[in-house]
Amino acid sequence: QVQLVESGGGLVQAGGSLRLSCAASGRTFSSSTMGWFRQAPGKERVFVAGISRSGIITDYADSVKGRFTISRDNAKNTVYLQMNSLKPEDTAIYYCAADFRSLSDLARATERAYDYWGQGTQVTVSS
């Protein structure tokens, strides 16, 4: 059974930074494509960032390009989301997701590509 546990969320002022972590267990982490999604109050969950198995290929939503960085440490079974220059509109619950079905080294931006999800961590950015 795969478990994904997010951490690192919290309250930060606009312009500040946070680093989210997602620790995975239960399957070979290096075989997974990983992603971060977020859901703001009253809105649908949307893609934020994705990273391929090797970590070489990344993809970002336009709204976070240049501010957020996704990375992974396969030795630690962990994926990270470094968030800089945070804005109030970044306020949301952030979810980590894993795809173990894909055989290619690609980043994926669609929810249906992922088969495991964490419980989420709240990020609140005050103005």
Foldseek 3Di string as FASTA:
>chain_A
DKAWAKDWADEEAAQAKIKMKIAIDDDQLLLKKKFKWWDDPPGDIFGAKIFFSVRPEMDGDPVQPPFWDWGDDSVRRMIMIIGGRDDQVVWTWMKMFIANPDPDGYTDGDPVRTDDIHPTDTHGYHD
